[in-house]
N, C-alpha and C. Protein backbone atom coordinates (compact mmCIF):
# COMPACT_ATOMS: atom_id res chain seq x y z
N UNK A 1 29.44 -16.33 -2.00
CA UNK A 1 29.62 -14.98 -2.49
C UNK A 1 29.40 -13.95 -1.38
N UNK A 2 28.31 -14.08 -0.60
CA UNK A 2 28.02 -13.12 0.45
C UNK A 2 28.40 -13.63 1.83
N UNK A 3 28.89 -14.82 1.92
CA UNK A 3 29.24 -15.37 3.22
C UNK A 3 28.01 -15.87 3.95
N UNK A 4 28.08 -15.90 5.26
CA UNK A 4 26.99 -16.41 6.08
C UNK A 4 26.06 -15.25 6.45
N UNK A 5 24.92 -15.14 5.76
CA UNK A 5 23.95 -14.08 6.01
C UNK A 5 22.72 -14.68 6.67
N UNK A 6 22.32 -14.10 7.80
CA UNK A 6 21.13 -14.56 8.52
C UNK A 6 20.01 -13.55 8.27
N UNK A 7 19.01 -13.93 7.48
CA UNK A 7 17.90 -13.04 7.14
C UNK A 7 16.65 -13.55 7.84
N UNK A 8 16.01 -12.66 8.60
CA UNK A 8 14.77 -13.01 9.28
C UNK A 8 13.72 -11.99 8.87
N UNK A 9 12.56 -12.47 8.49
CA UNK A 9 11.45 -11.60 8.10
C UNK A 9 10.27 -11.88 9.00
N UNK A 10 9.57 -10.83 9.37
CA UNK A 10 8.37 -10.96 10.19
C UNK A 10 7.19 -10.43 9.38
N UNK A 11 6.10 -11.16 9.39
CA UNK A 11 4.87 -10.74 8.72
C UNK A 11 3.79 -10.64 9.79
N UNK A 12 3.17 -9.44 9.90
CA UNK A 12 2.14 -9.23 10.91
C UNK A 12 0.88 -8.67 10.25
N UNK A 13 -0.26 -8.95 10.88
CA UNK A 13 -1.52 -8.34 10.45
C UNK A 13 -1.64 -6.98 11.11
N UNK A 14 -2.24 -6.03 10.40
CA UNK A 14 -2.44 -4.71 10.99
C UNK A 14 -3.24 -3.82 10.07
N UNK A 15 -3.53 -2.63 10.57
CA UNK A 15 -4.20 -1.61 9.77
C UNK A 15 -3.13 -0.59 9.41
N UNK A 16 -2.93 -0.39 8.13
CA UNK A 16 -1.94 0.56 7.66
C UNK A 16 -2.46 1.98 7.90
N UNK A 17 -1.68 2.83 8.58
CA UNK A 17 -2.14 4.20 8.81
C UNK A 17 -2.13 5.06 7.54
N UNK A 18 -1.47 4.61 6.50
CA UNK A 18 -1.42 5.37 5.26
C UNK A 18 -2.63 5.11 4.38
N UNK A 19 -2.96 3.83 4.15
CA UNK A 19 -4.09 3.50 3.27
C UNK A 19 -5.34 3.10 4.05
N UNK A 20 -5.24 2.98 5.37
CA UNK A 20 -6.36 2.67 6.27
C UNK A 20 -7.01 1.31 6.00
N UNK A 21 -6.28 0.37 5.43
CA UNK A 21 -6.82 -0.95 5.14
C UNK A 21 -6.21 -2.01 6.05
N UNK A 22 -7.01 -3.05 6.36
CA UNK A 22 -6.45 -4.23 7.04
C UNK A 22 -5.52 -4.90 6.05
N UNK A 23 -4.30 -5.15 6.44
CA UNK A 23 -3.31 -5.65 5.50
C UNK A 23 -2.25 -6.46 6.22
N UNK A 24 -1.32 -6.98 5.47
CA UNK A 24 -0.12 -7.60 6.01
C UNK A 24 1.00 -6.58 5.97
N UNK A 25 1.77 -6.53 7.05
CA UNK A 25 2.94 -5.67 7.12
C UNK A 25 4.15 -6.57 7.17
N UNK A 26 5.11 -6.37 6.27
CA UNK A 26 6.28 -7.23 6.15
C UNK A 26 7.50 -6.46 6.64
N UNK A 27 8.28 -7.08 7.53
CA UNK A 27 9.46 -6.39 8.06
C UNK A 27 10.52 -6.27 6.98
N UNK A 28 11.13 -5.09 6.93
CA UNK A 28 12.24 -4.85 6.01
C UNK A 28 13.52 -4.58 6.78
N UNK A 29 13.38 -4.41 8.09
CA UNK A 29 14.49 -4.35 9.04
C UNK A 29 13.89 -4.61 10.41
N UNK A 30 14.69 -4.47 11.47
CA UNK A 30 14.22 -4.83 12.80
C UNK A 30 13.01 -4.02 13.25
N UNK A 31 12.95 -2.75 12.89
CA UNK A 31 11.84 -1.91 13.35
C UNK A 31 11.13 -1.18 12.21
N UNK A 32 11.29 -1.66 10.99
CA UNK A 32 10.64 -1.05 9.83
C UNK A 32 9.79 -2.10 9.12
N UNK A 33 8.60 -1.70 8.73
CA UNK A 33 7.67 -2.59 8.04
C UNK A 33 7.17 -1.92 6.77
N UNK A 34 6.72 -2.72 5.82
CA UNK A 34 6.16 -2.21 4.57
C UNK A 34 4.77 -2.79 4.38
N UNK A 35 3.82 -1.91 4.06
CA UNK A 35 2.45 -2.33 3.77
C UNK A 35 2.44 -3.00 2.40
N UNK A 36 1.80 -4.18 2.30
CA UNK A 36 1.78 -4.86 1.00
C UNK A 36 0.71 -4.30 0.07
N UNK A 37 -0.18 -3.43 0.58
CA UNK A 37 -1.22 -2.84 -0.27
C UNK A 37 -0.70 -1.58 -0.95
N UNK A 38 -0.20 -0.61 -0.15
CA UNK A 38 0.18 0.68 -0.73
C UNK A 38 1.69 0.87 -0.81
N UNK A 39 2.47 -0.02 -0.18
CA UNK A 39 3.93 0.07 -0.24
C UNK A 39 4.53 1.07 0.72
N UNK A 40 3.73 1.62 1.62
CA UNK A 40 4.22 2.61 2.58
C UNK A 40 5.18 1.96 3.57
N UNK A 41 6.29 2.64 3.85
CA UNK A 41 7.23 2.19 4.86
C UNK A 41 6.81 2.75 6.20
N UNK A 42 6.79 1.88 7.21
CA UNK A 42 6.32 2.25 8.53
C UNK A 42 7.39 1.94 9.56
N UNK A 43 7.46 2.77 10.59
CA UNK A 43 8.40 2.53 11.68
C UNK A 43 7.62 2.02 12.89
N UNK A 44 8.14 0.98 13.50
CA UNK A 44 7.48 0.39 14.67
C UNK A 44 8.00 1.06 15.93
N UNK A 45 7.08 1.58 16.74
CA UNK A 45 7.42 2.16 18.03
C UNK A 45 6.79 1.30 19.11
N UNK A 46 7.50 1.02 20.17
CA UNK A 46 6.97 0.20 21.26
C UNK A 46 6.95 1.05 22.53
N UNK A 47 5.76 1.41 22.97
CA UNK A 47 5.56 2.17 24.20
C UNK A 47 4.44 1.51 25.00
N UNK A 48 4.66 0.30 25.43
CA UNK A 48 3.61 -0.43 26.12
C UNK A 48 2.69 -1.16 25.15
N UNK A 49 2.57 -0.67 23.97
CA UNK A 49 1.82 -1.33 22.90
C UNK A 49 2.55 -1.06 21.59
N UNK A 50 2.23 -1.82 20.59
CA UNK A 50 2.88 -1.64 19.30
C UNK A 50 1.98 -0.80 18.42
N UNK A 51 2.51 0.26 17.87
CA UNK A 51 1.77 1.06 16.90
C UNK A 51 2.69 1.34 15.73
N UNK A 52 2.11 1.47 14.58
CA UNK A 52 2.90 1.69 13.37
C UNK A 52 2.68 3.12 12.91
N UNK A 53 3.75 3.84 12.74
CA UNK A 53 3.70 5.24 12.35
C UNK A 53 4.45 5.37 11.03
N UNK A 54 3.87 6.09 10.06
CA UNK A 54 4.57 6.24 8.77
C UNK A 54 5.99 6.76 8.98
N UNK A 55 6.94 6.15 8.29
CA UNK A 55 8.34 6.54 8.41
C UNK A 55 8.71 7.44 7.25
N UNK A 56 9.35 8.55 7.56
CA UNK A 56 9.86 9.44 6.53
C UNK A 56 11.11 10.12 7.04
N UNK A 57 12.01 10.43 6.16
CA UNK A 57 13.21 11.18 6.54
C UNK A 57 12.92 12.67 6.62
N UNK A 58 11.85 13.12 5.97
CA UNK A 58 11.49 14.53 5.94
C UNK A 58 10.04 14.69 6.37
N UNK A 59 9.78 15.14 7.61
CA UNK A 59 8.40 15.27 8.09
C UNK A 59 7.54 16.21 7.24
N UNK A 60 8.16 17.11 6.48
CA UNK A 60 7.40 18.02 5.61
C UNK A 60 6.72 17.27 4.46
N UNK A 61 7.15 16.03 4.20
CA UNK A 61 6.57 15.24 3.10
C UNK A 61 5.30 14.51 3.51
N UNK A 62 4.92 14.53 4.79
CA UNK A 62 3.73 13.82 5.25
C UNK A 62 2.50 14.59 4.82
N UNK A 63 1.57 13.90 4.14
CA UNK A 63 0.31 14.50 3.71
C UNK A 63 -0.81 13.63 4.22
N UNK A 64 -1.87 14.27 4.66
CA UNK A 64 -3.05 13.54 5.11
C UNK A 64 -4.13 13.75 4.06
N UNK A 65 -4.65 12.65 3.52
CA UNK A 65 -5.66 12.71 2.48
C UNK A 65 -6.85 11.83 2.87
N UNK A 66 -8.03 12.25 2.49
CA UNK A 66 -9.21 11.42 2.72
C UNK A 66 -9.17 10.25 1.75
N UNK A 67 -9.55 9.04 2.21
CA UNK A 67 -9.55 7.89 1.30
C UNK A 67 -10.58 8.08 0.19
N UNK A 68 -10.24 7.58 -1.00
CA UNK A 68 -11.14 7.66 -2.14
C UNK A 68 -12.16 6.55 -2.05
N UNK A 69 -13.42 6.84 -2.30
CA UNK A 69 -14.47 5.83 -2.27
C UNK A 69 -14.67 5.25 -3.65
N UNK A 70 -14.76 3.92 -3.69
CA UNK A 70 -15.14 3.18 -4.85
C UNK A 70 -14.30 3.22 -6.00
């Protein structure tokens, strides 16, 4: 039905910058990952080291909130 599709997924350990938890990040494309805890989509940037930055199409939608305790 779909022909020959080659799907590759990468799973990495990391700290999600959105929920601040140690978690697994699952690739959804070559340079995009999703946190399995909060569902945040992250973009991977490589500048000598790998860091994950929240991905958004509209920078005005980024909010910084203190984590809730307990």
